[in-house]
PDB file of N, CA and C in Angstrom:
ATOM      1  N   UNK A   1     -14.925  17.878 -30.782  1.00  0.00           N
ATOM      2  CA  UNK A   1     -14.214  17.024 -31.255  1.00  0.00           C
ATOM      3  C   UNK A   1     -13.891  16.179 -29.619  1.00  0.00           C
ATOM      4  N   UNK A   2     -13.958  15.118 -29.227  1.00  0.00           N
ATOM      5  CA  UNK A   2     -13.501  14.593 -28.255  1.00  0.00           C
ATOM      6  C   UNK A   2     -12.251  14.753 -27.687  1.00  0.00           C
ATOM      7  N   UNK A   3     -11.856  14.789 -26.371  1.00  0.00           N
ATOM      8  CA  UNK A   3     -10.365  14.914 -26.221  1.00  0.00           C
ATOM      9  C   UNK A   3     -10.174  13.406 -25.575  1.00  0.00           C
ATOM     10  N   UNK A   4      -8.703  13.205 -26.049  1.00  0.00           N
ATOM     11  CA  UNK A   4      -8.226  11.806 -25.940  1.00  0.00           C
ATOM     12  C   UNK A   4      -7.331  11.765 -24.708  1.00  0.00           C
ATOM     13  N   UNK A   5      -7.143  10.673 -24.246  1.00  0.00           N
ATOM     14  CA  UNK A   5      -6.335   9.972 -23.189  1.00  0.00           C
ATOM     15  C   UNK A   5      -5.379   9.018 -24.170  1.00  0.00           C
ATOM     16  N   UNK A   6      -4.219   8.908 -23.540  1.00  0.00           N
ATOM     17  CA  UNK A   6      -3.290   8.419 -24.381  1.00  0.00           C
ATOM     18  C   UNK A   6      -2.669   7.520 -23.474  1.00  0.00           C
ATOM     19  N   UNK A   7      -2.360   5.782 -23.936  1.00  0.00           N
ATOM     20  CA  UNK A   7      -1.585   5.050 -23.015  1.00  0.00           C
ATOM     21  C   UNK A   7      -0.492   4.449 -24.085  1.00  0.00           C
ATOM     22  N   UNK A   8       0.369   4.136 -23.244  1.00  0.00           N
ATOM     23  CA  UNK A   8       1.715   3.809 -23.872  1.00  0.00           C
ATOM     24  C   UNK A   8       2.598   2.632 -23.063  1.00  0.00           C
ATOM     25  N   UNK A   9       3.516   2.091 -23.493  1.00  0.00           N
ATOM     26  CA  UNK A   9       4.399   1.186 -22.514  1.00  0.00           C
ATOM     27  C   UNK A   9       5.860   1.720 -22.554  1.00  0.00           C
ATOM     28  N   UNK A  10       6.391   1.931 -21.405  1.00  0.00           N
ATOM     29  CA  UNK A  10       7.530   2.349 -21.445  1.00  0.00           C
ATOM     30  C   UNK A  10       8.552   1.264 -21.114  1.00  0.00           C
ATOM     31  N   UNK A  11       9.402   0.958 -22.232  1.00  0.00           N
ATOM     32  CA  UNK A  11      10.361  -0.096 -22.314  1.00  0.00           C
ATOM     33  C   UNK A  11      11.599  -0.076 -21.302  1.00  0.00           C
ATOM     34  N   UNK A  12      11.774   1.102 -21.243  1.00  0.00           N
ATOM     35  CA  UNK A  12      13.200   1.225 -20.184  1.00  0.00           C
ATOM     36  C   UNK A  12      12.813   2.207 -19.181  1.00  0.00           C
ATOM     37  N   UNK A  13      11.834   1.727 -17.894  1.00  0.00           N
ATOM     38  CA  UNK A  13      11.624   2.779 -17.044  1.00  0.00           C
ATOM     39  C   UNK A  13      12.569   3.441 -16.162  1.00  0.00           C
ATOM     40  N   UNK A  14      12.708   4.866 -15.936  1.00  0.00           N
ATOM     41  CA  UNK A  14      13.729   5.667 -15.501  1.00  0.00           C
ATOM     42  C   UNK A  14      13.149   6.247 -14.395  1.00  0.00           C
ATOM     43  N   UNK A  15      13.720   5.731 -12.899  1.00  0.00           N
ATOM     44  CA  UNK A  15      13.122   6.262 -11.929  1.00  0.00           C
ATOM     45  C   UNK A  15      13.376   7.989 -11.349  1.00  0.00           C
ATOM     46  N   UNK A  16      14.562   8.381 -12.083  1.00  0.00           N
ATOM     47  CA  UNK A  16      14.791   9.543 -11.755  1.00  0.00           C
ATOM     48  C   UNK A  16      14.209  10.801 -12.747  1.00  0.00           C
ATOM     49  N   UNK A  17      13.553  10.006 -13.726  1.00  0.00           N
ATOM     50  CA  UNK A  17      13.522  10.983 -15.201  1.00  0.00           C
ATOM     51  C   UNK A  17      11.891  11.481 -14.546  1.00  0.00           C
ATOM     52  N   UNK A  18      11.495  12.748 -15.027  1.00  0.00           N
ATOM     53  CA  UNK A  18      10.382  13.363 -15.127  1.00  0.00           C
ATOM     54  C   UNK A  18       9.754  13.560 -16.388  1.00  0.00           C
ATOM     55  N   UNK A  19       8.959  12.494 -16.503  1.00  0.00           N
ATOM     56  CA  UNK A  19       8.061  11.888 -17.461  1.00  0.00           C
ATOM     57  C   UNK A  19       7.306  13.268 -18.299  1.00  0.00           C
ATOM     58  N   UNK A  20       7.112  14.219 -17.574  1.00  0.00           N
ATOM     59  CA  UNK A  20       6.011  15.196 -17.942  1.00  0.00           C
ATOM     60  C   UNK A  20       6.556  16.252 -18.587  1.00  0.00           C
ATOM     61  N   UNK A  21       8.042  16.550 -18.486  1.00  0.00           N
ATOM     62  CA  UNK A  21       8.932  17.670 -19.415  1.00  0.00           C
ATOM     63  C   UNK A  21       8.763  17.074 -21.218  1.00  0.00           C
ATOM     64  N   UNK A  22       8.136  16.067 -21.334  1.00  0.00           N
ATOM     65  CA  UNK A  22       8.215  15.794 -22.828  1.00  0.00           C
ATOM     66  C   UNK A  22       7.122  14.910 -23.442  1.00  0.00           C
ATOM     67  N   UNK A  23       6.279  14.958 -24.296  1.00  0.00           N
ATOM     68  CA  UNK A  23       4.979  14.548 -24.756  1.00  0.00           C
ATOM     69  C   UNK A  23       5.509  13.801 -25.981  1.00  0.00           C
ATOM     70  N   UNK A  24       5.453  12.612 -25.667  1.00  0.00           N
ATOM     71  CA  UNK A  24       6.128  11.687 -26.636  1.00  0.00           C
ATOM     72  C   UNK A  24       5.151  10.393 -26.893  1.00  0.00           C
ATOM     73  N   UNK A  25       3.922  10.459 -27.264  1.00  0.00           N
ATOM     74  CA  UNK A  25       3.109   9.173 -27.562  1.00  0.00           C
ATOM     75  C   UNK A  25       3.467   8.795 -28.843  1.00  0.00           C
ATOM     76  N   UNK A  26       4.442   9.207 -29.682  1.00  0.00           N
ATOM     77  CA  UNK A  26       4.771   8.184 -30.566  1.00  0.00           C
ATOM     78  C   UNK A  26       5.875   7.251 -29.994  1.00  0.00           C
ATOM     79  N   UNK A  27       6.470   7.907 -29.118  1.00  0.00           N
ATOM     80  CA  UNK A  27       8.049   6.933 -28.558  1.00  0.00           C
ATOM     81  C   UNK A  27       7.376   5.841 -27.719  1.00  0.00           C
ATOM     82  N   UNK A  28       6.348   5.944 -27.201  1.00  0.00           N
ATOM     83  CA  UNK A  28       5.606   4.887 -26.353  1.00  0.00           C
ATOM     84  C   UNK A  28       4.330   4.166 -27.381  1.00  0.00           C
ATOM     85  N   UNK A  29       4.296   4.361 -28.620  1.00  0.00           N
ATOM     86  CA  UNK A  29       3.097   3.793 -29.206  1.00  0.00           C
ATOM     87  C   UNK A  29       1.935   3.745 -28.556  1.00  0.00           C
ATOM     88  N   UNK A  30       1.493   4.936 -28.105  1.00  0.00           N
ATOM     89  CA  UNK A  30       0.172   5.062 -27.362  1.00  0.00           C
ATOM     90  C   UNK A  30      -1.037   4.906 -28.043  1.00  0.00           C
ATOM     91  N   UNK A  31      -2.038   4.204 -27.324  1.00  0.00           N
ATOM     92  CA  UNK A  31      -3.214   3.877 -28.142  1.00  0.00           C
ATOM     93  C   UNK A  31      -4.021   4.789 -27.082  1.00  0.00           C
ATOM     94  N   UNK A  32      -4.904   5.593 -28.020  1.00  0.00           N
ATOM     95  CA  UNK A  32      -6.024   6.642 -27.575  1.00  0.00           C
ATOM     96  C   UNK A  32      -7.393   6.072 -27.083  1.00  0.00           C
ATOM     97  N   UNK A  33      -7.911   6.865 -26.081  1.00  0.00           N
ATOM     98  CA  UNK A  33      -9.235   6.252 -25.838  1.00  0.00           C
ATOM     99  C   UNK A  33      -9.876   7.939 -25.484  1.00  0.00           C
ATOM    100  N   UNK A  34     -11.240   7.961 -25.436  1.00  0.00           N
ATOM    101  CA  UNK A  34     -11.963   8.829 -25.399  1.00  0.00           C
ATOM    102  C   UNK A  34     -11.829   9.414 -23.880  1.00  0.00           C
ATOM    103  N   UNK A  35     -11.541  10.615 -23.216  1.00  0.00           N
ATOM    104  CA  UNK A  35     -11.356  11.014 -22.092  1.00  0.00           C
ATOM    105  C   UNK A  35     -12.533  10.616 -21.117  1.00  0.00           C
ATOM    106  N   UNK A  36     -13.738  10.890 -21.939  1.00  0.00           N
ATOM    107  CA  UNK A  36     -14.744  10.843 -21.393  1.00  0.00           C
ATOM    108  C   UNK A  36     -15.104   9.048 -20.579  1.00  0.00           C
ATOM    109  N   UNK A  37     -14.672   8.501 -21.309  1.00  0.00           N
ATOM    110  CA  UNK A  37     -14.855   7.025 -20.774  1.00  0.00           C
ATOM    111  C   UNK A  37     -14.396   6.800 -19.351  1.00  0.00           C
ATOM    112  N   UNK A  38     -13.179   7.574 -19.220  1.00  0.00           N
ATOM    113  CA  UNK A  38     -12.479   7.631 -17.923  1.00  0.00           C
ATOM    114  C   UNK A  38     -13.397   7.928 -16.367  1.00  0.00           C
ATOM    115  N   UNK A  39     -14.327   9.017 -17.030  1.00  0.00           N
ATOM    116  CA  UNK A  39     -15.413   9.348 -16.040  1.00  0.00           C
ATOM    117  C   UNK A  39     -16.386   8.350 -15.307  1.00  0.00           C
ATOM    118  N   UNK A  40     -16.409   7.032 -16.388  1.00  0.00           N
ATOM    119  CA  UNK A  40     -17.319   5.951 -15.628  1.00  0.00           C
ATOM    120  C   UNK A  40     -16.540   5.282 -15.057  1.00  0.00           C
ATOM    121  N   UNK A  41     -15.144   5.152 -15.051  1.00  0.00           N
ATOM    122  CA  UNK A  41     -14.339   4.204 -14.148  1.00  0.00           C
ATOM    123  C   UNK A  41     -13.599   4.853 -12.957  1.00  0.00           C
ATOM    124  N   UNK A  42     -14.154   6.377 -12.739  1.00  0.00           N
ATOM    125  CA  UNK A  42     -13.130   6.890 -11.698  1.00  0.00           C
ATOM    126  C   UNK A  42     -13.362   6.237 -10.277  1.00  0.00           C
ATOM    127  N   UNK A  43     -14.685   5.726 -10.028  1.00  0.00           N
ATOM    128  CA  UNK A  43     -14.585   5.327  -8.460  1.00  0.00           C
ATOM    129  C   UNK A  43     -13.921   4.241  -8.305  1.00  0.00           C
ATOM    130  N   UNK A  44     -13.256   3.554  -9.300  1.00  0.00           N
ATOM    131  CA  UNK A  44     -12.455   2.157  -9.104  1.00  0.00           C
ATOM    132  C   UNK A  44     -10.730   2.728  -9.471  1.00  0.00           C
ATOM    133  N   UNK A  45     -10.691   3.722 -10.458  1.00  0.00           N
ATOM    134  CA  UNK A  45      -9.578   4.293 -10.770  1.00  0.00           C
ATOM    135  C   UNK A  45      -8.921   4.761  -9.601  1.00  0.00           C
ATOM    136  N   UNK A  46      -9.770   5.568  -8.717  1.00  0.00           N
ATOM    137  CA  UNK A  46      -9.031   6.251  -7.496  1.00  0.00           C
ATOM    138  C   UNK A  46      -8.259   5.095  -6.503  1.00  0.00           C
ATOM    139  N   UNK A  47      -8.655   3.926  -6.635  1.00  0.00           N
ATOM    140  CA  UNK A  47      -8.221   3.018  -5.853  1.00  0.00           C
ATOM    141  C   UNK A  47      -6.564   2.119  -5.945  1.00  0.00           C
ATOM    142  N   UNK A  48      -6.244   2.790  -7.603  1.00  0.00           N
ATOM    143  CA  UNK A  48      -5.310   2.088  -8.236  1.00  0.00           C
ATOM    144  C   UNK A  48      -3.934   3.007  -7.874  1.00  0.00           C
ATOM    145  N   UNK A  49      -3.042   2.492  -7.327  1.00  0.00           N
ATOM    146  CA  UNK A  49      -1.483   3.488  -6.916  1.00  0.00           C
ATOM    147  C   UNK A  49      -0.888   3.628  -8.214  1.00  0.00           C
ATOM    148  N   UNK A  50      -0.649   4.977  -8.592  1.00  0.00           N
ATOM    149  CA  UNK A  50      -0.109   5.363  -9.752  1.00  0.00           C
ATOM    150  C   UNK A  50       1.076   6.249  -9.103  1.00  0.00           C
ATOM    151  N   UNK A  51       1.990   7.066 -10.067  1.00  0.00           N
ATOM    152  CA  UNK A  51       2.335   8.064 -10.003  1.00  0.00           C
ATOM    153  C   UNK A  51       2.223   9.231 -10.827  1.00  0.00           C
ATOM    154  N   UNK A  52       2.551  10.481 -10.545  1.00  0.00           N
ATOM    155  CA  UNK A  52       2.254  11.597 -11.137  1.00  0.00           C
ATOM    156  C   UNK A  52       3.452  12.221 -11.792  1.00  0.00           C
ATOM    157  N   UNK A  53       3.625  12.044 -13.034  1.00  0.00           N
ATOM    158  CA  UNK A  53       4.592  12.806 -13.678  1.00  0.00           C
ATOM    159  C   UNK A  53       6.010  12.221 -13.350  1.00  0.00           C
ATOM    160  N   UNK A  54       6.468  11.794 -12.507  1.00  0.00           N
ATOM    161  CA  UNK A  54       7.785  10.965 -11.950  1.00  0.00           C
ATOM    162  C   UNK A  54       7.663  10.050 -10.737  1.00  0.00           C
ATOM    163  N   UNK A  55       8.317   9.121 -10.400  1.00  0.00           N
ATOM    164  CA  UNK A  55       8.458   7.909  -9.340  1.00  0.00           C
ATOM    165  C   UNK A  55       8.326   8.517  -8.217  1.00  0.00           C
ATOM    166  N   UNK A  56       9.148   9.537  -7.900  1.00  0.00           N
ATOM    167  CA  UNK A  56       8.906  10.466  -6.514  1.00  0.00           C
ATOM    168  C   UNK A  56       7.568  11.261  -6.134  1.00  0.00           C
ATOM    169  N   UNK A  57       6.627  11.009  -6.886  1.00  0.00           N
ATOM    170  CA  UNK A  57       5.348  11.566  -6.637  1.00  0.00           C
ATOM    171  C   UNK A  57       3.962  10.531  -6.640  1.00  0.00           C
ATOM    172  N   UNK A  58       4.234   9.629  -5.794  1.00  0.00           N
ATOM    173  CA  UNK A  58       3.107   8.556  -5.585  1.00  0.00           C
ATOM    174  C   UNK A  58       1.573   9.547  -5.471  1.00  0.00           C
ATOM    175  N   UNK A  59       0.987   8.637  -5.995  1.00  0.00           N
ATOM    176  CA  UNK A  59      -0.576   8.976  -5.877  1.00  0.00           C
ATOM    177  C   UNK A  59      -1.641   7.817  -6.253  1.00  0.00           C
ATOM    178  N   UNK A  60      -2.751   8.168  -6.537  1.00  0.00           N
ATOM    179  CA  UNK A  60      -3.645   7.471  -7.218  1.00  0.00           C
ATOM    180  C   UNK A  60      -4.524   7.792  -8.371  1.00  0.00           C
ATOM    181  N   UNK A  61      -5.147   6.826  -9.012  1.00  0.00           N
ATOM    182  CA  UNK A  61      -6.010   7.388 -10.303  1.00  0.00           C
ATOM    183  C   UNK A  61      -4.936   7.996 -11.002  1.00  0.00           C
ATOM    184  N   UNK A  62      -5.578   8.675 -12.111  1.00  0.00           N
ATOM    185  CA  UNK A  62      -4.786   9.072 -13.121  1.00  0.00           C
ATOM    186  C   UNK A  62      -4.737  10.730 -13.143  1.00  0.00           C
ATOM    187  N   UNK A  63      -3.382  11.312 -13.812  1.00  0.00           N
ATOM    188  CA  UNK A  63      -3.398  12.667 -13.659  1.00  0.00           C
ATOM    189  C   UNK A  63      -4.356  13.059 -15.048  1.00  0.00           C
ATOM    190  N   UNK A  64      -5.761  13.787 -15.115  1.00  0.00           N
ATOM    191  CA  UNK A  64      -6.529  13.766 -16.276  1.00  0.00           C
ATOM    192  C   UNK A  64      -5.807  14.813 -16.907  1.00  0.00           C
ATOM    193  N   UNK A  65      -4.952  15.798 -16.565  1.00  0.00           N
ATOM    194  CA  UNK A  65      -4.461  16.822 -16.990  1.00  0.00           C
ATOM    195  C   UNK A  65      -2.848  17.024 -17.141  1.00  0.00           C
ATOM    196  N   UNK A  66      -2.515  15.513 -17.052  1.00  0.00           N
ATOM    197  CA  UNK A  66      -0.900  15.513 -17.145  1.00  0.00           C
ATOM    198  C   UNK A  66      -0.401  14.171 -17.346  1.00  0.00           C
ATOM    199  N   UNK A  67       0.672  13.620 -16.873  1.00  0.00           N
ATOM    200  CA  UNK A  67       1.405  12.568 -17.000  1.00  0.00           C
ATOM    201  C   UNK A  67       1.341  11.405 -15.711  1.00  0.00           C
ATOM    202  N   UNK A  68       0.685  10.432 -16.208  1.00  0.00           N
ATOM    203  CA  UNK A  68       0.640   9.355 -15.048  1.00  0.00           C
ATOM    204  C   UNK A  68       1.406   8.030 -15.324  1.00  0.00           C
ATOM    205  N   UNK A  69       1.996   7.595 -14.498  1.00  0.00           N
ATOM    206  CA  UNK A  69       2.902   6.457 -14.727  1.00  0.00           C
ATOM    207  C   UNK A  69       2.267   5.400 -14.014  1.00  0.00           C
ATOM    208  N   UNK A  70       1.954   4.384 -14.337  1.00  0.00           N
ATOM    209  CA  UNK A  70       1.104   3.215 -13.877  1.00  0.00           C
ATOM    210  C   UNK A  70       2.030   2.062 -13.525  1.00  0.00           C
ATOM    211  N   UNK A  71       2.597   1.654 -12.608  1.00  0.00           N
ATOM    212  CA  UNK A  71       3.384   0.438 -12.176  1.00  0.00           C
ATOM    213  C   UNK A  71       2.891  -0.616 -12.410  1.00  0.00           C
ATOM    214  N   UNK A  72       3.700  -1.833 -12.792  1.00  0.00           N
ATOM    215  CA  UNK A  72       3.176  -2.991 -13.177  1.00  0.00           C
ATOM    216  C   UNK A  72       2.350  -3.845 -11.816  1.00  0.00           C
ATOM    217  N   UNK A  73       2.432  -3.212 -10.997  1.00  0.00           N
ATOM    218  CA  UNK A  73       1.484  -3.835  -9.979  1.00  0.00           C
ATOM    219  C   UNK A  73       0.152  -3.439  -9.973  1.00  0.00           C
ATOM    220  N   UNK A  74      -0.063  -2.571 -10.514  1.00  0.00           N
ATOM    221  CA  UNK A  74      -1.356  -1.867 -10.805  1.00  0.00           C
ATOM    222  C   UNK A  74      -1.984  -1.933 -12.198  1.00  0.00           C
ATOM    223  N   UNK A  75      -1.417  -2.762 -12.795  1.00  0.00           N
ATOM    224  CA  UNK A  75      -1.773  -3.028 -14.273  1.00  0.00           C
ATOM    225  C   UNK A  75      -2.798  -4.003 -14.059  1.00  0.00           C
ATOM    226  N   UNK A  76      -2.770  -5.123 -13.554  1.00  0.00           N
ATOM    227  CA  UNK A  76      -3.989  -6.019 -13.499  1.00  0.00           C
ATOM    228  C   UNK A  76      -5.406  -5.470 -13.073  1.00  0.00           C
ATOM    229  N   UNK A  77      -5.389  -4.692 -11.701  1.00  0.00           N
ATOM    230  CA  UNK A  77      -6.722  -3.971 -11.483  1.00  0.00           C
ATOM    231  C   UNK A  77      -7.032  -2.934 -12.422  1.00  0.00           C
ATOM    232  N   UNK A  78      -6.232  -2.481 -13.240  1.00  0.00           N
ATOM    233  CA  UNK A  78      -6.742  -1.519 -14.319  1.00  0.00           C
ATOM    234  C   UNK A  78      -7.355  -2.253 -15.409  1.00  0.00           C
ATOM    235  N   UNK A  79      -6.624  -3.359 -15.802  1.00  0.00           N
ATOM    236  CA  UNK A  79      -6.956  -4.309 -16.755  1.00  0.00           C
ATOM    237  C   UNK A  79      -8.553  -4.639 -16.388  1.00  0.00           C
ATOM    238  N   UNK A  80      -8.960  -4.932 -15.491  1.00  0.00           N
ATOM    239  CA  UNK A  80     -10.116  -5.511 -15.134  1.00  0.00           C
ATOM    240  C   UNK A  80     -11.114  -4.569 -15.275  1.00  0.00           C
ATOM    241  N   UNK A  81     -10.823  -3.256 -14.550  1.00  0.00           N
ATOM    242  CA  UNK A  81     -11.810  -2.056 -14.752  1.00  0.00           C
ATOM    243  C   UNK A  81     -12.118  -2.114 -16.339  1.00  0.00           C
ATOM    244  N   UNK A  82     -11.117  -1.927 -17.278  1.00  0.00           N
ATOM    245  CA  UNK A  82     -11.399  -1.984 -18.470  1.00  0.00           C
ATOM    246  C   UNK A  82     -12.242  -2.877 -19.100  1.00  0.00           C
ATOM    247  N   UNK A  83     -12.082  -4.487 -18.589  1.00  0.00           N
ATOM    248  CA  UNK A  83     -12.728  -5.419 -19.342  1.00  0.00           C
ATOM    249  C   UNK A  83     -14.076  -5.537 -18.715  1.00  0.00           C
ATOM    250  N   UNK A  84     -14.246  -4.883 -17.557  1.00  0.00           N
ATOM    251  CA  UNK A  84     -15.633  -5.098 -16.993  1.00  0.00           C
ATOM    252  C   UNK A  84     -16.521  -4.083 -17.882  1.00  0.00           C
ATOM    253  N   UNK A  85     -15.926  -3.191 -18.404  1.00  0.00           N
ATOM    254  CA  UNK A  85     -16.935  -2.077 -19.308  1.00  0.00           C
ATOM    255  C   UNK A  85     -17.913  -2.674 -20.258  1.00  0.00           C
ATOM    256  N   UNK A  86     -19.150  -2.541 -20.668  1.00  0.00           N
ATOM    257  CA  UNK A  86     -19.701  -3.416 -21.481  1.00  0.00           C
ATOM    258  C   UNK A  86     -19.174  -2.678 -22.853  1.00  0.00           C
ATOM    259  N   UNK A  87     -18.622  -1.766 -22.930  1.00  0.00           N
ATOM    260  CA  UNK A  87     -18.159  -1.493 -24.327  1.00  0.00           C
ATOM    261  C   UNK A  87     -16.605  -2.048 -24.580  1.00  0.00           C
ATOM    262  N   UNK A  88     -16.250  -2.720 -23.946  1.00  0.00           N
ATOM    263  CA  UNK A  88     -14.975  -3.530 -24.077  1.00  0.00           C
ATOM    264  C   UNK A  88     -14.812  -4.747 -25.268  1.00  0.00           C
ATOM    265  N   UNK A  89     -16.088  -5.063 -25.342  1.00  0.00           N
ATOM    266  CA  UNK A  89     -16.207  -6.010 -26.589  1.00  0.00           C
ATOM    267  C   UNK A  89     -16.222  -5.768 -27.732  1.00  0.00           C
ATOM    268  N   UNK A  90     -16.680  -4.440 -28.115  1.00  0.00           N
ATOM    269  CA  UNK A  90     -17.167  -3.959 -29.388  1.00  0.00           C
ATOM    270  C   UNK A  90     -16.434  -2.551 -29.722  1.00  0.00           C
ATOM    271  N   UNK A  91     -15.586  -1.955 -28.799  1.00  0.00           N
ATOM    272  CA  UNK A  91     -14.856  -0.619 -28.905  1.00  0.00           C
ATOM    273  C   UNK A  91     -13.421  -1.111 -29.269  1.00  0.00           C
ATOM    274  N   UNK A  92     -13.177  -0.627 -30.240  1.00  0.00           N
ATOM    275  CA  UNK A  92     -11.463  -0.723 -30.939  1.00  0.00           C
ATOM    276  C   UNK A  92     -10.807   0.141 -29.864  1.00  0.00           C
ATOM    277  N   UNK A  93     -10.905   1.205 -29.439  1.00  0.00           N
ATOM    278  CA  UNK A  93     -10.162   1.877 -28.668  1.00  0.00           C
ATOM    279  C   UNK A  93     -10.035   1.136 -27.228  1.00  0.00           C
ATOM    280  N   UNK A  94     -10.981   0.527 -26.542  1.00  0.00           N
ATOM    281  CA  UNK A  94     -10.967  -0.420 -25.490  1.00  0.00           C
ATOM    282  C   UNK A  94     -10.153  -1.531 -25.955  1.00  0.00           C
ATOM    283  N   UNK A  95     -10.549  -2.294 -26.887  1.00  0.00           N
ATOM    284  CA  UNK A  95      -9.947  -3.598 -27.159  1.00  0.00           C
ATOM    285  C   UNK A  95      -8.312  -3.231 -27.302  1.00  0.00           C
ATOM    286  N   UNK A  96      -8.078  -2.026 -27.806  1.00  0.00           N
ATOM    287  CA  UNK A  96      -6.570  -1.779 -28.355  1.00  0.00           C
ATOM    288  C   UNK A  96      -5.873  -1.646 -26.680  1.00  0.00           C
ATOM    289  N   UNK A  97      -6.742  -0.888 -25.585  1.00  0.00           N
ATOM    290  CA  UNK A  97      -6.179  -0.712 -24.343  1.00  0.00           C
ATOM    291  C   UNK A  97      -5.996  -1.717 -23.633  1.00  0.00           C
ATOM    292  N   UNK A  98      -6.715  -2.656 -23.644  1.00  0.00           N
ATOM    293  CA  UNK A  98      -6.493  -3.960 -23.161  1.00  0.00           C
ATOM    294  C   UNK A  98      -5.783  -4.815 -23.577  1.00  0.00           C
ATOM    295  N   UNK A  99      -5.273  -4.879 -25.232  1.00  0.00           N
ATOM    296  CA  UNK A  99      -4.219  -5.537 -25.311  1.00  0.00           C
ATOM    297  C   UNK A  99      -2.640  -4.967 -25.171  1.00  0.00           C
ATOM    298  N   UNK A 100      -2.820  -3.671 -25.093  1.00  0.00           N
ATOM    299  CA  UNK A 100      -1.447  -2.898 -24.558  1.00  0.00           C
ATOM    300  C   UNK A 100      -1.302  -3.253 -23.210  1.00  0.00           C
ATOM    301  N   UNK A 101      -2.367  -3.233 -22.245  1.00  0.00           N
ATOM    302  CA  UNK A 101      -2.427  -3.701 -20.493  1.00  0.00           C
ATOM    303  C   UNK A 101      -1.518  -4.884 -20.623  1.00  0.00           C
ATOM    304  N   UNK A 102      -2.589  -6.090 -21.467  1.00  0.00           N
ATOM    305  CA  UNK A 102      -1.885  -7.479 -21.451  1.00  0.00           C
ATOM    306  C   UNK A 102      -0.177  -7.518 -21.650  1.00  0.00           C
ATOM    307  N   UNK A 103      -0.161  -6.606 -22.823  1.00  0.00           N
ATOM    308  CA  UNK A 103       1.299  -6.847 -23.336  1.00  0.00           C
ATOM    309  C   UNK A 103       2.619  -6.384 -21.777  1.00  0.00           C
ATOM    310  N   UNK A 104       1.756  -5.370 -21.599  1.00  0.00           N
ATOM    311  CA  UNK A 104       2.625  -4.768 -20.443  1.00  0.00           C
ATOM    312  C   UNK A 104       2.640  -5.362 -18.900  1.00  0.00           C
ATOM    313  N   UNK A 105       1.660  -5.899 -18.879  1.00  0.00           N
ATOM    314  CA  UNK A 105       1.873  -7.238 -17.638  1.00  0.00           C
ATOM    315  C   UNK A 105       2.804  -8.090 -18.074  1.00  0.00           C
ATOM    316  N   UNK A 106       2.552  -8.848 -19.102  1.00  0.00           N
ATOM    317  CA  UNK A 106       3.281  -9.814 -19.788  1.00  0.00           C
ATOM    318  C   UNK A 106       4.870  -9.674 -19.674  1.00  0.00           C
ATOM    319  N   UNK A 107       5.217  -8.221 -19.775  1.00  0.00           N
ATOM    320  CA  UNK A 107       6.706  -7.941 -19.864  1.00  0.00           C
ATOM    321  C   UNK A 107       6.918  -7.206 -18.429  1.00  0.00           C
ATOM    322  N   UNK A 108       6.112  -7.001 -17.855  1.00  0.00           N
ATOM    323  CA  UNK A 108       6.237  -6.207 -16.446  1.00  0.00           C
ATOM    324  C   UNK A 108       6.986  -4.779 -16.457  1.00  0.00           C
ATOM    325  N   UNK A 109       6.184  -4.252 -17.640  1.00  0.00           N
ATOM    326  CA  UNK A 109       6.523  -3.053 -17.569  1.00  0.00           C
ATOM    327  C   UNK A 109       5.624  -2.004 -17.049  1.00  0.00           C
ATOM    328  N   UNK A 110       6.072  -0.476 -17.068  1.00  0.00           N
ATOM    329  CA  UNK A 110       4.947   0.512 -16.750  1.00  0.00           C
ATOM    330  C   UNK A 110       4.507   0.984 -17.993  1.00  0.00           C
ATOM    331  N   UNK A 111       3.014   1.635 -17.561  1.00  0.00           N
ATOM    332  CA  UNK A 111       2.502   2.099 -18.679  1.00  0.00           C
ATOM    333  C   UNK A 111       2.422   3.688 -18.331  1.00  0.00           C
ATOM    334  N   UNK A 112       2.679   4.640 -19.317  1.00  0.00           N
ATOM    335  CA  UNK A 112       2.486   6.048 -19.463  1.00  0.00           C
ATOM    336  C   UNK A 112       0.921   6.371 -19.855  1.00  0.00           C
ATOM    337  N   UNK A 113       0.392   7.548 -19.088  1.00  0.00           N
ATOM    338  CA  UNK A 113      -0.817   7.724 -19.504  1.00  0.00           C
ATOM    339  C   UNK A 113      -0.651   9.328 -19.935  1.00  0.00           C
ATOM    340  N   UNK A 114      -0.893   9.873 -20.603  1.00  0.00           N
ATOM    341  CA  UNK A 114      -1.182  11.310 -21.127  1.00  0.00           C
ATOM    342  C   UNK A 114      -2.408  11.891 -21.017  1.00  0.00           C
ATOM    343  N   UNK A 115      -2.707  12.724 -19.817  1.00  0.00           N
ATOM    344  CA  UNK A 115      -4.059  13.385 -19.852  1.00  0.00           C
ATOM    345  C   UNK A 115      -4.235  14.111 -21.078  1.00  0.00           C
ATOM    346  N   UNK A 116      -5.698  14.783 -20.905  1.00  0.00           N
ATOM    347  CA  UNK A 116      -5.686  15.679 -22.151  1.00  0.00           C
ATOM    348  C   UNK A 116      -5.366  16.896 -22.187  1.00  0.00           C
TER     349      UNK A 116
END
């Protein structure tokens, strides 16, 4: 069975919170995609500014086995990566991820990513 990465929108982002302390995909209404897909995007993901676990741990790309916080300014580049994937027109999981990213962009929200 493939491992899934989960993505959700944080409605009330807290700069002092360590988001790695709780696994809450239901709270953030996460959509799941196969973690294997991320391998295809890695060379581009490493250019996107993120935070690992909490706001005081700036990084790039995704914490594959942890929690990543994707700030609003990184969502458009992430959306472009997803939308360029040939599977994005037919894969329900990628369509769901793109819809989530569009909503987060329009609402200027952080996105949380739970690795496998």
